[in-house]
């Protein structure tokens, strides 16, 4: 802070010894030391307060940036959802339109069910049953009607 050399300090100490006197010099030196310690603590407290304030400002700026990016992300996400919804609505409207046009014509089966007889709405479709002895299976014991299940054993 101050640029004092050893020679200048010796001159100041000699002048203080002459002016103050040898009896009061230790007490004055102790008081000056305490005052310098308080000043140093005060300066370090001010520095730490300034540092905390700067960090707080940096955190506030970072928080604002994160909030802004979150708003931008939310806006882009909402835009994507809206465009997806509009595309889905257009597709649904096209399918409804195609179904309304196709409902005037009789249905033509295609794919694996093309060779089978047409199924009316009144007849339930039976699912293919896989035989129980078609290979190793895991028995959970939940079905009481299956022979050999653990529910019948107890």
Protein backbone atom coordinates (compact mmCIF):
# COMPACT_ATOMS: atom_id res chain seq x y z
CA UNK A 1 0.00 0.00 0.00
CA UNK A 2 2.62 2.52 1.07
CA UNK A 3 6.12 2.22 -0.27
CA UNK A 4 8.23 2.52 2.88
CA UNK A 5 11.68 1.05 3.06
CA UNK A 6 13.53 -0.08 6.18
CA UNK A 7 15.40 3.24 6.41
CA UNK A 8 12.22 5.32 6.37
CA UNK A 9 10.67 3.13 9.06
CA UNK A 10 13.72 3.59 11.27
CA UNK A 11 13.49 7.38 10.86
CA UNK A 12 9.76 7.33 11.79
CA UNK A 13 10.50 5.11 14.83
CA UNK A 14 13.32 7.43 15.97
CA UNK A 15 11.09 10.53 15.61
CA UNK A 16 8.27 8.75 17.50
CA UNK A 17 10.70 7.78 20.27
CA UNK A 18 11.85 11.38 20.61
CA UNK A 19 8.37 12.97 20.40
CA UNK A 20 6.38 10.44 22.48
CA UNK A 21 9.06 9.37 24.89
CA UNK A 22 10.27 5.92 25.92
CA UNK A 23 7.62 5.39 28.64
CA UNK A 24 4.54 5.89 26.44
CA UNK A 25 5.98 4.47 23.18
CA UNK A 26 4.96 0.79 23.84
CA UNK A 27 1.39 1.82 24.70
CA UNK A 28 1.12 4.05 21.62
CA UNK A 29 2.64 1.32 19.41
CA UNK A 30 0.10 -1.19 20.77
CA UNK A 31 -2.78 1.24 20.13
CA UNK A 32 -1.53 1.95 16.60
CA UNK A 33 -1.26 -1.80 15.98
CA UNK A 34 -4.85 -2.36 17.13
CA UNK A 35 -6.06 0.50 14.94
CA UNK A 36 -4.19 -0.86 11.92
CA UNK A 37 -5.69 -4.31 12.58
CA UNK A 38 -9.19 -2.82 12.69
CA UNK A 39 -8.56 -0.92 9.46
CA UNK A 40 -7.31 -4.10 7.77
CA UNK A 41 -10.37 -6.06 8.96
CA UNK A 42 -12.65 -3.27 7.78
CA UNK A 43 -10.96 -3.20 4.36
CA UNK A 44 -11.19 -7.00 4.05
CA UNK A 45 -14.90 -6.89 5.06
CA UNK A 46 -15.57 -4.24 2.41
CA UNK A 47 -13.71 -6.32 -0.18
CA UNK A 48 -15.70 -9.45 0.70
CA UNK A 49 -18.99 -7.48 0.58
CA UNK A 50 -18.09 -6.11 -2.84
CA UNK A 51 -17.12 -9.61 -3.99
CA UNK A 52 -20.44 -11.04 -2.73
CA UNK A 53 -22.39 -8.29 -4.47
CA UNK A 54 -20.54 -8.98 -7.72
CA UNK A 55 -21.27 -12.71 -7.39
CA UNK A 56 -24.92 -11.91 -6.63
CA UNK A 57 -25.12 -9.76 -9.76
CA UNK A 58 -23.53 -12.55 -11.79
CA UNK A 59 -26.04 -15.03 -10.38
CA UNK A 60 -28.93 -12.69 -11.20
CA UNK A 61 -27.67 -12.34 -14.77
CA UNK A 62 -27.31 -16.11 -15.03
CA UNK A 63 -30.82 -16.60 -13.65
CA UNK A 64 -32.22 -14.15 -16.18
CA UNK A 65 -30.41 -15.95 -19.00
CA UNK A 66 -31.75 -19.32 -17.85
CA UNK A 67 -35.28 -17.94 -17.57
CA UNK A 68 -35.02 -16.41 -21.04
CA UNK A 69 -33.75 -19.68 -22.52
CA UNK A 70 -36.54 -21.57 -20.75
CA UNK A 71 -39.13 -19.17 -22.23
CA UNK A 72 -37.59 -19.60 -25.69
CA UNK A 73 -37.60 -23.38 -25.30
CA UNK A 74 -41.20 -23.33 -24.09
CA UNK A 75 -42.20 -21.14 -27.04
CA UNK A 76 -40.50 -23.39 -29.58
CA UNK A 77 -42.00 -26.45 -27.91
CA UNK A 78 -45.48 -24.90 -28.02
CA UNK A 79 -44.96 -24.04 -31.68
CA UNK A 80 -43.90 -27.61 -32.46
CA UNK A 81 -46.91 -28.99 -30.55
CA UNK A 82 -49.28 -26.65 -32.37
CA UNK A 83 -47.85 -27.58 -35.77
CA UNK A 84 -48.08 -31.27 -34.82
CA UNK A 85 -51.70 -30.82 -33.71
CA UNK A 86 -52.59 -29.01 -36.93
CA UNK A 87 -50.92 -31.74 -38.99
CA UNK A 88 -52.78 -34.40 -37.02
CA UNK A 89 -56.08 -32.53 -37.45
CA UNK A 90 -55.46 -32.27 -41.20
CA UNK A 91 -54.63 -35.98 -41.34
CA UNK A 92 -57.71 -36.87 -39.30
CA UNK A 93 -59.89 -34.71 -41.52
CA UNK A 94 -58.41 -36.38 -44.60
CA UNK A 95 -59.03 -39.84 -43.14
CA UNK A 96 -62.61 -38.91 -42.22
CA UNK A 97 -63.11 -37.58 -45.72
CA UNK A 98 -61.65 -40.76 -47.24
CA UNK A 99 -63.82 -42.92 -44.97
CA UNK A 100 -66.94 -40.99 -45.87
CA UNK A 101 -66.14 -41.40 -49.58
CA UNK A 102 -65.24 -45.10 -49.13
CA UNK A 103 -68.36 -45.83 -47.06
CA UNK A 104 -70.40 -45.44 -50.25
CA UNK A 105 -68.45 -48.37 -51.83
CA UNK A 106 -68.38 -51.94 -50.43
CA UNK A 107 -65.15 -52.73 -48.52
CA UNK A 108 -62.48 -54.70 -50.35
CA UNK A 109 -60.31 -56.75 -48.00
CA UNK A 110 -56.57 -56.73 -48.50
CA UNK A 111 -53.62 -58.21 -46.74
CA UNK A 112 -53.60 -61.49 -44.77
CA UNK A 113 -57.38 -61.39 -44.18
CA UNK A 114 -58.15 -61.12 -47.93
CA UNK A 115 -58.66 -64.87 -48.40
CA UNK A 116 -60.99 -65.25 -45.41
CA UNK A 117 -64.72 -64.73 -45.38
CA UNK A 118 -65.86 -61.19 -44.59
CA UNK A 119 -66.62 -60.62 -40.94
CA UNK A 120 -69.78 -58.73 -40.04
CA UNK A 121 -70.09 -56.49 -37.03
CA UNK A 122 -72.52 -58.86 -35.32
CA UNK A 123 -70.13 -61.84 -35.27
CA UNK A 124 -67.30 -61.76 -32.72
CA UNK A 125 -63.90 -62.73 -34.00
CA UNK A 126 -62.32 -65.59 -32.05
CA UNK A 127 -58.62 -65.28 -31.42
CA UNK A 128 -56.37 -68.15 -32.36
CA UNK A 129 -55.61 -70.28 -29.33
CA UNK A 130 -52.12 -71.58 -28.77
CA UNK A 131 -52.10 -75.08 -27.30
CA UNK A 132 -50.82 -75.23 -23.74
CA UNK A 133 -48.37 -78.01 -24.46
CA UNK A 134 -46.62 -76.16 -27.30
CA UNK A 135 -43.34 -75.90 -25.38
CA UNK A 136 -41.93 -74.75 -22.08
CA UNK A 137 -44.04 -72.07 -20.41
CA UNK A 138 -43.86 -70.12 -17.22
CA UNK A 139 -46.60 -71.05 -14.76
CA UNK A 140 -47.76 -68.12 -12.70
CA UNK A 141 -50.63 -69.92 -11.01
CA UNK A 142 -53.12 -67.19 -11.83
CA UNK A 143 -55.48 -69.24 -13.99
CA UNK A 144 -57.47 -71.79 -11.95
CA UNK A 145 -58.88 -73.54 -15.03
CA UNK A 146 -55.50 -74.67 -16.40
CA UNK A 147 -54.63 -78.20 -15.18
CA UNK A 148 -51.36 -78.40 -13.23
CA UNK A 149 -51.44 -74.78 -12.11
CA UNK A 150 -50.19 -73.94 -8.67
CA UNK A 151 -53.67 -72.80 -7.56
CA UNK A 152 -54.94 -76.40 -7.80
CA UNK A 153 -51.95 -77.83 -5.94
CA UNK A 154 -52.71 -75.95 -2.72
